[in-house]
Amino acid sequence: MQEKPVTILGVETSCDETAAAVVRNGRQILSSVVASQTKLHERFGGVVPEIASRAHLEKILPVIKEAIEQAGVKPADIDAVAVAHQPGLAIALMVGVTAAKTLAFAWQKPLIGINHLHAHLQSAILASETMELPAVALIVSGGHTSLYEAESALELKRLGSTIDDAAGEGFDKVATILGLPYPGGPSIEKTAKGGNPKAVAFPRSLLDKESLDFSFSGLKTAVLYHCQGQDMKGNNRVASMSPQEISDIAASFQQAAVDTLIIKTLRAVRKVGARTVLVGGGVAANTALREGMQDMCDKNKLSLLIAPKSLCTDNAAMVASLAYYYYKEGRFSGLDLEPTATT
């Protein structure tokens, strides 16, 4: 006898995307709605928590309503409500958690709290029917850069993480240094296309030879010193640079960041004897990283599962997808679930 399909509503408000999605059986995305706040934060060069939370308050109910309507389901068809409750901006998370708890209570459905970072990895697994284990998982985003050993969708052991700036944060800061638009990731990638990735020998911060932690602060500072001088008095130097010079700097920075991510991932692979590499998070949309990871996996006879570009940035489909596995094991949260800024 065929099992009843499990339909889950997911909610995501960990940073500056208000998102809701309906996913069936962990893989079938019935709807995925994302309201971006990029324009609101653009002039600040980064996310302003208070502005983000206010925008979430305005958008959360319309986004949830649209996701349900697009999916063609009714509250009675939904088996559980899932929400990203950690990590992220506390006042942003609060909006999504409150909405999810309210719906779970009103509809008398189970509530499932989901780790936002683990959900990013689920976006890499979502399109694959099988995954060879053990696996190493890289989460690379604006706020986080971490490596995990993945034994299943629910069993993750952290191997290393950033000790200062995350990779995505580095992209944003370097874009600001170069006078490029926010968000920095797409701007750097676009500008780097015409540049020489070997033009500037920026450092690859690998820490010690066994370390699986990340550090991008030094790389960011190297770009700053290159553009403004060691004495920081060259404030107008970028303004006088040619478009080719800026492209070369962008390409060289991007290559240094990508090399670091790949080298650390390969270290983790060798440490745990992994057969598969998973990659998720906003920076996973970067073409140079995707191509570099594929090349590394091909050379080392590894399977690569990388999130499709449409699911790299924050979304609720990954939240609802991961929640399916929690649902199957009866791992529910109480209505006292609280947002947590850290992991």
C-alpha atoms as a PDB file:
ATOM      1  CA  MET A   1       0.000   0.000   0.000  1.00  0.00           C
ATOM      2  CA  GLN A   2       1.376   3.353  -1.057  1.00  0.00           C
ATOM      3  CA  GLU A   3       2.129   5.768   1.766  1.00  0.00           C
ATOM      4  CA  LYS A   4       0.192   9.003   2.035  1.00  0.00           C
ATOM      5  CA  PRO A   5       2.245  11.867   0.573  1.00  0.00           C
ATOM      6  CA  VAL A   6       3.674  14.309   3.111  1.00  0.00           C
ATOM      7  CA  THR A   7       3.143  17.973   2.283  1.00  0.00           C
ATOM      8  CA  ILE A   8       5.070  20.577   4.257  1.00  0.00           C
ATOM      9  CA  LEU A   9       4.884  24.362   4.319  1.00  0.00           C
ATOM     10  CA  GLY A  10       8.307  25.930   4.830  1.00  0.00           C
ATOM     11  CA  VAL A  11       9.055  29.456   6.049  1.00  0.00           C
ATOM     12  CA  GLU A  12      12.414  31.268   5.834  1.00  0.00           C
ATOM     13  CA  THR A  13      13.307  34.731   7.222  1.00  0.00           C
ATOM     14  CA  SER A  14      16.856  34.269   8.505  1.00  0.00           C
ATOM     15  CA  CYS A  15      18.306  37.321   6.764  1.00  0.00           C
ATOM     16  CA  ASP A  16      16.934  39.512   3.969  1.00  0.00           C
ATOM     17  CA  GLU A  17      14.717  37.135   1.994  1.00  0.00           C
ATOM     18  CA  THR A  18      11.104  36.558   2.979  1.00  0.00           C
ATOM     19  CA  ALA A  19      10.305  33.103   1.652  1.00  0.00           C
ATOM     20  CA  ALA A  20       7.652  30.410   1.813  1.00  0.00           C
ATOM     21  CA  ALA A  21       7.334  27.129  -0.071  1.00  0.00           C
ATOM     22  CA  VAL A  22       5.260  23.986  -0.218  1.00  0.00           C
ATOM     23  CA  VAL A  23       7.169  20.744  -0.806  1.00  0.00           C
ATOM     24  CA  ARG A  24       5.766  17.216  -1.086  1.00  0.00           C
ATOM     25  CA  ASN A  25       7.733  14.167   0.052  1.00  0.00           C
ATOM     26  CA  GLY A  26      10.900  16.186   0.439  1.00  0.00           C
ATOM     27  CA  ARG A  27      11.544  16.520  -3.294  1.00  0.00           C
ATOM     28  CA  GLN A  28       8.512  17.763  -5.196  1.00  0.00           C
ATOM     29  CA  ILE A  29       8.480  21.571  -5.006  1.00  0.00           C
ATOM     30  CA  LEU A  30       4.856  22.611  -5.438  1.00  0.00           C
ATOM     31  CA  SER A  31       5.653  26.291  -4.914  1.00  0.00           C
ATOM     32  CA  SER A  32       8.554  28.507  -3.874  1.00  0.00           C
ATOM     33  CA  VAL A  33       7.996  32.215  -3.308  1.00  0.00           C
ATOM     34  CA  VAL A  34      10.797  34.616  -2.387  1.00  0.00           C
ATOM     35  CA  ALA A  35      10.450  38.348  -1.718  1.00  0.00           C
ATOM     36  CA  SER A  36      13.903  39.895  -2.034  1.00  0.00           C
ATOM     37  CA  GLN A  37      15.016  42.932  -0.030  1.00  0.00           C
ATOM     38  CA  THR A  38      18.126  43.686  -2.085  1.00  0.00           C
ATOM     39  CA  LYS A  39      16.919  47.134  -3.146  1.00  0.00           C
ATOM     40  CA  LEU A  40      16.208  48.112   0.472  1.00  0.00           C
ATOM     41  CA  HIS A  41      19.764  47.340   1.610  1.00  0.00           C
ATOM     42  CA  GLU A  42      21.643  48.337  -1.538  1.00  0.00           C
ATOM     43  CA  ARG A  43      22.553  51.876  -0.462  1.00  0.00           C
ATOM     44  CA  PHE A  44      23.948  50.583   2.844  1.00  0.00           C
ATOM     45  CA  GLY A  45      26.236  48.024   1.183  1.00  0.00           C
ATOM     46  CA  GLY A  46      24.901  45.283   3.473  1.00  0.00           C
ATOM     47  CA  VAL A  47      21.880  44.052   5.391  1.00  0.00           C
ATOM     48  CA  VAL A  48      20.467  46.365   8.064  1.00  0.00           C
ATOM     49  CA  PRO A  49      18.705  44.112  10.627  1.00  0.00           C
ATOM     50  CA  GLU A  50      15.934  46.552  11.597  1.00  0.00           C
ATOM     51  CA  ILE A  51      15.060  47.284   7.967  1.00  0.00           C
ATOM     52  CA  ALA A  52      15.093  43.547   7.230  1.00  0.00           C
ATOM     53  CA  SER A  53      12.738  42.700  10.091  1.00  0.00           C
ATOM     54  CA  ARG A  54      10.267  45.425   9.133  1.00  0.00           C
ATOM     55  CA  ALA A  55      10.225  44.202   5.534  1.00  0.00           C
ATOM     56  CA  HIS A  56       9.625  40.637   6.768  1.00  0.00           C
ATOM     57  CA  LEU A  57       6.649  41.858   8.796  1.00  0.00           C
ATOM     58  CA  GLU A  58       5.141  43.442   5.696  1.00  0.00           C
ATOM     59  CA  LYS A  59       5.772  40.487   3.393  1.00  0.00           C
ATOM     60  CA  ILE A  60       5.445  37.338   5.488  1.00  0.00           C
ATOM     61  CA  LEU A  61       1.677  36.797   5.257  1.00  0.00           C
ATOM     62  CA  PRO A  62       1.331  37.701   1.543  1.00  0.00           C
ATOM     63  CA  VAL A  63       4.289  35.431   0.711  1.00  0.00           C
ATOM     64  CA  ILE A  64       2.850  32.489   2.672  1.00  0.00           C
ATOM     65  CA  LYS A  65      -0.570  33.022   1.095  1.00  0.00           C
ATOM     66  CA  GLU A  66       0.963  33.093  -2.391  1.00  0.00           C
ATOM     67  CA  ALA A  67       2.959  29.916  -1.757  1.00  0.00           C
ATOM     68  CA  ILE A  68      -0.173  28.054  -0.649  1.00  0.00           C
ATOM     69  CA  GLU A  69      -2.190  29.322  -3.602  1.00  0.00           C
ATOM     70  CA  GLN A  70       0.525  28.476  -6.136  1.00  0.00           C
ATOM     71  CA  ALA A  71       0.798  24.975  -4.700  1.00  0.00           C
ATOM     72  CA  GLY A  72      -2.930  24.458  -5.108  1.00  0.00           C
ATOM     73  CA  VAL A  73      -3.346  23.185  -1.565  1.00  0.00           C
ATOM     74  CA  LYS A  74      -5.435  24.093   1.444  1.00  0.00           C
ATOM     75  CA  PRO A  75      -4.398  24.159   5.116  1.00  0.00           C
ATOM     76  CA  ALA A  76      -6.070  20.761   5.545  1.00  0.00           C
ATOM     77  CA  ASP A  77      -3.661  19.308   2.963  1.00  0.00           C
ATOM     78  CA  ILE A  78      -0.566  20.477   4.859  1.00  0.00           C
ATOM     79  CA  ASP A  79       0.952  17.919   7.233  1.00  0.00           C
ATOM     80  CA  ALA A  80       3.434  20.175   9.052  1.00  0.00           C
ATOM     81  CA  VAL A  81       4.791  23.713   9.214  1.00  0.00           C
ATOM     82  CA  ALA A  82       8.579  24.095   9.105  1.00  0.00           C
ATOM     83  CA  VAL A  83      10.620  27.211   9.812  1.00  0.00           C
ATOM     84  CA  ALA A  84      14.285  28.188   9.830  1.00  0.00           C
ATOM     85  CA  HIS A  85      14.898  29.207  13.444  1.00  0.00           C
ATOM     86  CA  GLN A  86      18.708  29.319  13.496  1.00  0.00           C
ATOM     87  CA  PRO A  87      21.209  30.794  12.757  1.00  0.00           C
ATOM     88  CA  GLY A  88      20.591  34.279  11.400  1.00  0.00           C
ATOM     89  CA  LEU A  89      19.515  37.770  12.397  1.00  0.00           C
ATOM     90  CA  ALA A  90      17.515  37.314  15.596  1.00  0.00           C
ATOM     91  CA  ILE A  91      14.892  39.964  14.840  1.00  0.00           C
ATOM     92  CA  ALA A  92      14.478  38.634  11.308  1.00  0.00           C
ATOM     93  CA  LEU A  93      14.171  35.021  12.460  1.00  0.00           C
ATOM     94  CA  MET A  94      11.555  36.097  15.004  1.00  0.00           C
ATOM     95  CA  VAL A  95       9.135  37.084  12.246  1.00  0.00           C
ATOM     96  CA  GLY A  96       9.243  33.713  10.526  1.00  0.00           C
ATOM     97  CA  VAL A  97       9.194  31.709  13.763  1.00  0.00           C
ATOM     98  CA  THR A  98       6.194  33.653  15.071  1.00  0.00           C
ATOM     99  CA  ALA A  99       4.288  33.187  11.802  1.00  0.00           C
ATOM    100  CA  ALA A 100       5.062  29.453  11.685  1.00  0.00           C
ATOM    101  CA  LYS A 101       4.091  28.871  15.304  1.00  0.00           C
ATOM    102  CA  THR A 102       0.837  30.769  14.782  1.00  0.00           C
ATOM    103  CA  LEU A 103      -0.089  28.692  11.736  1.00  0.00           C
ATOM    104  CA  ALA A 104       0.897  25.411  13.404  1.00  0.00           C
ATOM    105  CA  PHE A 105      -1.300  26.274  16.388  1.00  0.00           C
ATOM    106  CA  ALA A 106      -4.236  27.523  14.310  1.00  0.00           C
ATOM    107  CA  TRP A 107      -4.156  24.555  11.929  1.00  0.00           C
ATOM    108  CA  GLN A 108      -3.259  22.012  14.630  1.00  0.00           C
ATOM    109  CA  LYS A 109      -0.229  20.832  12.677  1.00  0.00           C
ATOM    110  CA  PRO A 110       3.211  19.734  13.911  1.00  0.00           C
ATOM    111  CA  LEU A 111       5.892  22.423  14.016  1.00  0.00           C
ATOM    112  CA  ILE A 112       9.420  21.641  12.808  1.00  0.00           C
ATOM    113  CA  GLY A 113      12.355  23.916  13.597  1.00  0.00           C
ATOM    114  CA  ILE A 114      15.117  23.762  10.982  1.00  0.00           C
ATOM    115  CA  ASN A 115      18.756  24.843  11.031  1.00  0.00           C
ATOM    116  CA  HIS A 116      19.155  27.269   8.131  1.00  0.00           C
ATOM    117  CA  LEU A 117      22.660  26.017   7.314  1.00  0.00           C
ATOM    118  CA  HIS A 118      21.617  22.377   7.203  1.00  0.00           C
ATOM    119  CA  ALA A 119      18.793  23.381   4.880  1.00  0.00           C
ATOM    120  CA  HIS A 120      21.327  24.854   2.435  1.00  0.00           C
ATOM    121  CA  LEU A 121      22.881  21.410   2.179  1.00  0.00           C
ATOM    122  CA  GLN A 122      19.476  19.890   1.566  1.00  0.00           C
ATOM    123  CA  SER A 123      19.171  22.130  -1.498  1.00  0.00           C
ATOM    124  CA  ALA A 124      22.190  20.286  -2.913  1.00  0.00           C
ATOM    125  CA  ILE A 125      20.725  16.857  -2.165  1.00  0.00           C
ATOM    126  CA  LEU A 126      17.211  17.690  -3.347  1.00  0.00           C
ATOM    127  CA  ALA A 127      17.748  16.896  -7.007  1.00  0.00           C
ATOM    128  CA  SER A 128      19.637  13.636  -6.413  1.00  0.00           C
ATOM    129  CA  GLU A 129      18.027  10.263  -5.877  1.00  0.00           C
ATOM    130  CA  THR A 130      21.152   8.731  -4.341  1.00  0.00           C
ATOM    131  CA  MET A 131      24.181   9.971  -2.423  1.00  0.00           C
ATOM    132  CA  GLU A 132      27.350   7.944  -1.941  1.00  0.00           C
ATOM    133  CA  LEU A 133      28.529   8.106   1.663  1.00  0.00           C
ATOM    134  CA  PRO A 134      30.496   9.335   3.455  1.00  0.00           C
ATOM    135  CA  ALA A 135      30.136  12.884   2.131  1.00  0.00           C
ATOM    136  CA  VAL A 136      31.756  16.227   2.835  1.00  0.00           C
ATOM    137  CA  ALA A 137      29.470  19.247   2.734  1.00  0.00           C
ATOM    138  CA  LEU A 138      30.519  22.850   2.157  1.00  0.00           C
ATOM    139  CA  ILE A 139      28.153  25.666   3.105  1.00  0.00           C
ATOM    140  CA  VAL A 140      29.369  28.927   1.648  1.00  0.00           C
ATOM    141  CA  SER A 141      27.233  32.038   2.046  1.00  0.00           C
ATOM    142  CA  GLY A 142      27.231  35.669   3.127  1.00  0.00           C
ATOM    143  CA  GLY A 143      27.281  34.889   6.805  1.00  0.00           C
ATOM    144  CA  HIS A 144      28.736  31.388   6.991  1.00  0.00           C
ATOM    145  CA  THR A 145      31.496  29.252   5.543  1.00  0.00           C
ATOM    146  CA  SER A 146      31.551  25.784   7.088  1.00  0.00           C
ATOM    147  CA  LEU A 147      32.554  22.213   6.321  1.00  0.00           C
ATOM    148  CA  TYR A 148      30.596  19.202   7.569  1.00  0.00           C
ATOM    149  CA  GLU A 149      30.852  15.459   7.428  1.00  0.00           C
ATOM    150  CA  ALA A 150      27.427  14.285   6.254  1.00  0.00           C
ATOM    151  CA  GLU A 151      26.250  10.783   7.089  1.00  0.00           C
ATOM    152  CA  SER A 152      22.667  11.577   6.068  1.00  0.00           C
ATOM    153  CA  ALA A 153      20.342  14.557   5.705  1.00  0.00           C
ATOM    154  CA  LEU A 154      19.917  14.561   9.496  1.00  0.00           C
ATOM    155  CA  GLU A 155      23.406  13.578  10.619  1.00  0.00           C
ATOM    156  CA  LEU A 156      25.940  16.368  10.190  1.00  0.00           C
ATOM    157  CA  LYS A 157      29.228  16.780  12.044  1.00  0.00           C
ATOM    158  CA  ARG A 158      30.944  20.148  11.737  1.00  0.00           C
ATOM    159  CA  LEU A 159      34.578  19.870  10.692  1.00  0.00           C
ATOM    160  CA  GLY A 160      35.476  23.537  10.372  1.00  0.00           C
ATOM    161  CA  SER A 161      34.074  27.039   9.990  1.00  0.00           C
ATOM    162  CA  THR A 162      35.122  30.627   9.480  1.00  0.00           C
ATOM    163  CA  ILE A 163      37.122  32.327  12.217  1.00  0.00           C
ATOM    164  CA  ASP A 164      36.385  35.826  10.869  1.00  0.00           C
ATOM    165  CA  ASP A 165      34.744  36.950   7.610  1.00  0.00           C
ATOM    166  CA  ALA A 166      32.660  34.424   5.694  1.00  0.00           C
ATOM    167  CA  ALA A 167      33.352  34.078   1.971  1.00  0.00           C
ATOM    168  CA  GLY A 168      30.193  35.911   0.934  1.00  0.00           C
ATOM    169  CA  GLU A 169      30.966  38.741   3.322  1.00  0.00           C
ATOM    170  CA  GLY A 170      34.384  38.981   1.679  1.00  0.00           C
ATOM    171  CA  PHE A 171      32.751  39.331  -1.747  1.00  0.00           C
ATOM    172  CA  ASP A 172      30.506  42.118  -0.449  1.00  0.00           C
ATOM    173  CA  LYS A 173      33.385  44.032   1.151  1.00  0.00           C
ATOM    174  CA  VAL A 174      35.661  43.728  -1.864  1.00  0.00           C
ATOM    175  CA  ALA A 175      32.829  44.911  -4.113  1.00  0.00           C
ATOM    176  CA  THR A 176      32.508  47.994  -1.882  1.00  0.00           C
ATOM    177  CA  ILE A 177      36.266  48.620  -2.118  1.00  0.00           C
ATOM    178  CA  LEU A 178      36.058  48.435  -5.920  1.00  0.00           C
ATOM    179  CA  GLY A 179      32.958  50.635  -6.087  1.00  0.00           C
ATOM    180  CA  LEU A 180      30.772  47.816  -7.398  1.00  0.00           C
ATOM    181  CA  PRO A 181      27.041  47.433  -6.617  1.00  0.00           C
ATOM    182  CA  TYR A 182      25.600  45.392  -3.749  1.00  0.00           C
ATOM    183  CA  PRO A 183      25.248  42.429  -3.455  1.00  0.00           C
ATOM    184  CA  GLY A 184      28.927  41.806  -4.020  1.00  0.00           C
ATOM    185  CA  GLY A 185      28.826  38.206  -5.222  1.00  0.00           C
ATOM    186  CA  PRO A 186      27.119  38.787  -8.581  1.00  0.00           C
ATOM    187  CA  SER A 187      28.993  42.091  -9.069  1.00  0.00           C
ATOM    188  CA  ILE A 188      32.405  40.534  -8.517  1.00  0.00           C
ATOM    189  CA  GLU A 189      31.599  37.588 -10.788  1.00  0.00           C
ATOM    190  CA  LYS A 190      30.356  39.854 -13.581  1.00  0.00           C
ATOM    191  CA  THR A 191      33.360  42.195 -13.314  1.00  0.00           C
ATOM    192  CA  ALA A 192      35.829  39.287 -13.080  1.00  0.00           C
ATOM    193  CA  LYS A 193      34.736  37.838 -16.436  1.00  0.00           C
ATOM    194  CA  GLY A 194      36.978  40.213 -18.354  1.00  0.00           C
ATOM    195  CA  GLY A 195      39.845  40.034 -15.869  1.00  0.00           C
ATOM    196  CA  ASN A 196      43.042  38.072 -15.443  1.00  0.00           C
ATOM    197  CA  PRO A 197      42.832  35.858 -12.318  1.00  0.00           C
ATOM    198  CA  LYS A 198      46.641  35.812 -12.120  1.00  0.00           C
ATOM    199  CA  ALA A 199      47.106  39.578 -12.380  1.00  0.00           C
ATOM    200  CA  VAL A 200      47.465  40.090  -8.628  1.00  0.00           C
ATOM    201  CA  ALA A 201      48.959  37.489  -6.284  1.00  0.00           C
ATOM    202  CA  PHE A 202      46.459  37.738  -3.456  1.00  0.00           C
ATOM    203  CA  PRO A 203      47.013  35.366  -0.501  1.00  0.00           C
ATOM    204  CA  ARG A 204      45.277  32.027   0.066  1.00  0.00           C
ATOM    205  CA  SER A 205      44.813  31.889   3.814  1.00  0.00           C
ATOM    206  CA  LEU A 206      45.037  28.173   4.627  1.00  0.00           C
ATOM    207  CA  LEU A 207      45.998  28.499   8.320  1.00  0.00           C
ATOM    208  CA  ASP A 208      47.980  25.400   9.349  1.00  0.00           C
ATOM    209  CA  LYS A 209      48.304  22.394   7.054  1.00  0.00           C
ATOM    210  CA  GLU A 210      45.610  20.365   8.827  1.00  0.00           C
ATOM    211  CA  SER A 211      43.132  23.174   9.506  1.00  0.00           C
ATOM    212  CA  LEU A 212      39.614  22.945   8.113  1.00  0.00           C
ATOM    213  CA  ASP A 213      38.692  26.428   9.342  1.00  0.00           C
ATOM    214  CA  PHE A 214      38.426  29.437   7.024  1.00  0.00           C
ATOM    215  CA  SER A 215      39.727  33.000   7.185  1.00  0.00           C
ATOM    216  CA  PHE A 216      38.896  35.581   4.511  1.00  0.00           C
ATOM    217  CA  SER A 217      39.693  38.731   6.480  1.00  0.00           C
ATOM    218  CA  GLY A 218      43.325  38.752   5.323  1.00  0.00           C
ATOM    219  CA  LEU A 219      42.304  38.359   1.690  1.00  0.00           C
ATOM    220  CA  LYS A 220      39.876  41.264   1.988  1.00  0.00           C
ATOM    221  CA  THR A 221      42.574  43.402   3.637  1.00  0.00           C
ATOM    222  CA  ALA A 222      45.067  42.504   0.894  1.00  0.00           C
ATOM    223  CA  VAL A 223      42.620  43.838  -1.697  1.00  0.00           C
ATOM    224  CA  LEU A 224      42.130  46.997   0.357  1.00  0.00           C
ATOM    225  CA  TYR A 225      45.888  47.621   0.649  1.00  0.00           C
ATOM    226  CA  HIS A 226      46.368  46.904  -3.052  1.00  0.00           C
ATOM    227  CA  CYS A 227      43.752  49.508  -3.921  1.00  0.00           C
ATOM    228  CA  GLN A 228      44.548  52.169  -1.323  1.00  0.00           C
ATOM    229  CA  GLY A 229      48.143  51.515  -0.313  1.00  0.00           C
ATOM    230  CA  GLN A 230      49.604  50.210   2.945  1.00  0.00           C
ATOM    231  CA  ASP A 231      49.239  53.669   4.490  1.00  0.00           C
ATOM    232  CA  MET A 232      45.537  53.808   3.460  1.00  0.00           C
ATOM    233  CA  LYS A 233      46.040  57.222   1.891  1.00  0.00           C
ATOM    234  CA  GLY A 234      45.236  56.239  -1.667  1.00  0.00           C
ATOM    235  CA  ASN A 235      41.495  56.872  -1.277  1.00  0.00           C
ATOM    236  CA  ASN A 236      40.979  57.973  -4.870  1.00  0.00           C
ATOM    237  CA  ARG A 237      43.079  55.287  -6.510  1.00  0.00           C
ATOM    238  CA  VAL A 238      40.120  53.066  -7.501  1.00  0.00           C
ATOM    239  CA  ALA A 239      38.426  56.047  -9.151  1.00  0.00           C
ATOM    240  CA  SER A 240      41.475  56.482 -11.394  1.00  0.00           C
ATOM    241  CA  MET A 241      41.786  52.801 -12.301  1.00  0.00           C
ATOM    242  CA  SER A 242      40.877  51.569 -15.753  1.00  0.00           C
ATOM    243  CA  PRO A 243      37.981  49.101 -16.122  1.00  0.00           C
ATOM    244  CA  GLN A 244      40.596  46.453 -16.993  1.00  0.00           C
ATOM    245  CA  GLU A 245      42.496  47.038 -13.744  1.00  0.00           C
ATOM    246  CA  ILE A 246      39.295  46.672 -11.729  1.00  0.00           C
ATOM    247  CA  SER A 247      38.403  43.496 -13.646  1.00  0.00           C
ATOM    248  CA  ASP A 248      41.866  42.070 -12.955  1.00  0.00           C
ATOM    249  CA  ILE A 249      41.545  42.777  -9.222  1.00  0.00           C
ATOM    250  CA  ALA A 250      38.057  41.245  -9.117  1.00  0.00           C
ATOM    251  CA  ALA A 251      39.217  38.152 -10.996  1.00  0.00           C
ATOM    252  CA  SER A 252      42.309  37.743  -8.811  1.00  0.00           C
ATOM    253  CA  PHE A 253      40.292  38.092  -5.606  1.00  0.00           C
ATOM    254  CA  GLN A 254      37.647  35.665  -6.835  1.00  0.00           C
ATOM    255  CA  GLN A 255      40.282  33.082  -7.779  1.00  0.00           C
ATOM    256  CA  ALA A 256      41.976  33.372  -4.391  1.00  0.00           C
ATOM    257  CA  ALA A 257      38.660  32.833  -2.603  1.00  0.00           C
ATOM    258  CA  VAL A 258      37.695  29.899  -4.833  1.00  0.00           C
ATOM    259  CA  ASP A 259      41.114  28.260  -4.464  1.00  0.00           C
ATOM    260  CA  THR A 260      40.850  28.484  -0.681  1.00  0.00           C
ATOM    261  CA  LEU A 261      37.386  26.898  -0.657  1.00  0.00           C
ATOM    262  CA  ILE A 262      38.482  24.061  -2.944  1.00  0.00           C
ATOM    263  CA  ILE A 263      41.726  23.314  -1.080  1.00  0.00           C
ATOM    264  CA  LYS A 264      39.926  23.174   2.273  1.00  0.00           C
ATOM    265  CA  THR A 265      37.162  20.981   0.868  1.00  0.00           C
ATOM    266  CA  LEU A 266      39.718  18.525  -0.540  1.00  0.00           C
ATOM    267  CA  ARG A 267      41.456  18.437   2.856  1.00  0.00           C
ATOM    268  CA  ALA A 268      38.143  17.468   4.445  1.00  0.00           C
ATOM    269  CA  VAL A 269      37.498  14.832   1.771  1.00  0.00           C
ATOM    270  CA  ARG A 270      40.833  13.173   2.500  1.00  0.00           C
ATOM    271  CA  LYS A 271      40.325  13.361   6.247  1.00  0.00           C
ATOM    272  CA  VAL A 272      37.000  11.499   6.247  1.00  0.00           C
ATOM    273  CA  GLY A 273      37.508   9.393   3.108  1.00  0.00           C
ATOM    274  CA  ALA A 274      34.525  11.026   1.417  1.00  0.00           C
ATOM    275  CA  ARG A 275      33.066   9.832  -1.865  1.00  0.00           C
ATOM    276  CA  THR A 276      30.708  12.753  -2.393  1.00  0.00           C
ATOM    277  CA  VAL A 277      31.020  16.531  -2.087  1.00  0.00           C
ATOM    278  CA  LEU A 278      27.934  18.642  -1.359  1.00  0.00           C
ATOM    279  CA  VAL A 279      27.949  22.410  -1.909  1.00  0.00           C
ATOM    280  CA  GLY A 280      25.201  24.864  -0.955  1.00  0.00           C
ATOM    281  CA  GLY A 281      24.698  28.499  -0.009  1.00  0.00           C
ATOM    282  CA  GLY A 282      24.603  31.805  -1.858  1.00  0.00           C
ATOM    283  CA  VAL A 283      28.246  31.743  -2.984  1.00  0.00           C
ATOM    284  CA  ALA A 284      27.623  28.291  -4.519  1.00  0.00           C
ATOM    285  CA  ALA A 285      25.986  30.186  -7.395  1.00  0.00           C
ATOM    286  CA  ASN A 286      29.417  31.516  -8.390  1.00  0.00           C
ATOM    287  CA  THR A 287      30.399  29.990 -11.736  1.00  0.00           C
ATOM    288  CA  ALA A 288      34.143  29.916 -10.994  1.00  0.00           C
ATOM    289  CA  LEU A 289      33.479  27.992  -7.781  1.00  0.00           C
ATOM    290  CA  ARG A 290      31.104  25.567  -9.488  1.00  0.00           C
ATOM    291  CA  GLU A 291      33.592  24.860 -12.284  1.00  0.00           C
ATOM    292  CA  GLY A 292      36.507  24.603  -9.866  1.00  0.00           C
ATOM    293  CA  MET A 293      34.647  22.172  -7.611  1.00  0.00           C
ATOM    294  CA  GLN A 294      33.649  20.053 -10.595  1.00  0.00           C
ATOM    295  CA  ASP A 295      37.240  19.940 -11.814  1.00  0.00           C
ATOM    296  CA  MET A 296      38.513  18.978  -8.344  1.00  0.00           C
ATOM    297  CA  CYS A 297      35.907  16.216  -8.025  1.00  0.00           C
ATOM    298  CA  ASP A 298      36.632  14.877 -11.507  1.00  0.00           C
ATOM    299  CA  LYS A 299      40.365  14.673 -10.771  1.00  0.00           C
ATOM    300  CA  ASN A 300      39.742  12.871  -7.478  1.00  0.00           C
ATOM    301  CA  LYS A 301      36.907  10.617  -8.730  1.00  0.00           C
ATOM    302  CA  LEU A 302      34.324  12.161  -6.438  1.00  0.00           C
ATOM    303  CA  SER A 303      30.617  12.770  -6.976  1.00  0.00           C
ATOM    304  CA  LEU A 304      29.601  16.435  -6.791  1.00  0.00           C
ATOM    305  CA  LEU A 305      26.129  17.475  -5.681  1.00  0.00           C
ATOM    306  CA  ILE A 306      25.839  21.239  -5.883  1.00  0.00           C
ATOM    307  CA  ALA A 307      22.659  23.220  -5.348  1.00  0.00           C
ATOM    308  CA  PRO A 308      21.017  24.496  -8.525  1.00  0.00           C
ATOM    309  CA  LYS A 309      21.537  28.240  -8.851  1.00  0.00           C
ATOM    310  CA  SER A 310      17.835  28.846  -8.237  1.00  0.00           C
ATOM    311  CA  LEU A 311      18.174  27.298  -4.763  1.00  0.00           C
ATOM    312  CA  CYS A 312      21.549  28.723  -3.746  1.00  0.00           C
ATOM    313  CA  THR A 313      20.225  31.902  -2.162  1.00  0.00           C
ATOM    314  CA  ASP A 314      17.931  31.760   0.871  1.00  0.00           C
ATOM    315  CA  ASN A 315      14.633  30.033   0.085  1.00  0.00           C
ATOM    316  CA  ALA A 316      11.972  28.061   1.906  1.00  0.00           C
ATOM    317  CA  ALA A 317      11.933  25.038  -0.415  1.00  0.00           C
ATOM    318  CA  MET A 318      15.140  23.815   1.213  1.00  0.00           C
ATOM    319  CA  VAL A 319      13.562  24.288   4.658  1.00  0.00           C
ATOM    320  CA  ALA A 320      10.436  22.296   3.776  1.00  0.00           C
ATOM    321  CA  SER A 321      12.510  19.630   2.009  1.00  0.00           C
ATOM    322  CA  LEU A 322      14.726  18.972   5.032  1.00  0.00           C
ATOM    323  CA  ALA A 323      11.701  19.066   7.329  1.00  0.00           C
ATOM    324  CA  TYR A 324      10.287  16.038   5.518  1.00  0.00           C
ATOM    325  CA  TYR A 325      13.034  13.857   7.030  1.00  0.00           C
ATOM    326  CA  TYR A 326      12.365  15.298  10.480  1.00  0.00           C
ATOM    327  CA  TYR A 327       8.662  14.566   9.975  1.00  0.00           C
ATOM    328  CA  LYS A 328       9.339  10.942   9.027  1.00  0.00           C
ATOM    329  CA  GLU A 329      11.256  10.470  12.293  1.00  0.00           C
ATOM    330  CA  GLY A 330       8.730  12.365  14.409  1.00  0.00           C
ATOM    331  CA  ARG A 331      11.256  15.033  15.368  1.00  0.00           C
ATOM    332  CA  PHE A 332       8.924  17.930  16.091  1.00  0.00           C
ATOM    333  CA  SER A 333       9.367  21.210  17.923  1.00  0.00           C
ATOM    334  CA  GLY A 334       7.156  22.662  20.628  1.00  0.00           C
ATOM    335  CA  LEU A 335       5.327  25.969  20.398  1.00  0.00           C
ATOM    336  CA  ASP A 336       8.016  27.337  22.709  1.00  0.00           C
ATOM    337  CA  LEU A 337      10.491  27.231  19.798  1.00  0.00           C
ATOM    338  CA  GLU A 338      12.635  30.369  19.848  1.00  0.00           C
ATOM    339  CA  PRO A 339      14.911  31.932  17.221  1.00  0.00           C
ATOM    340  CA  THR A 340      18.635  31.597  17.854  1.00  0.00           C
ATOM    341  CA  ALA A 341      21.141  33.903  16.179  1.00  0.00           C
ATOM    342  CA  THR A 342      23.982  31.364  16.340  1.00  0.00           C
ATOM    343  CA  THR A 343      24.264  27.616  15.742  1.00  0.00           C
END
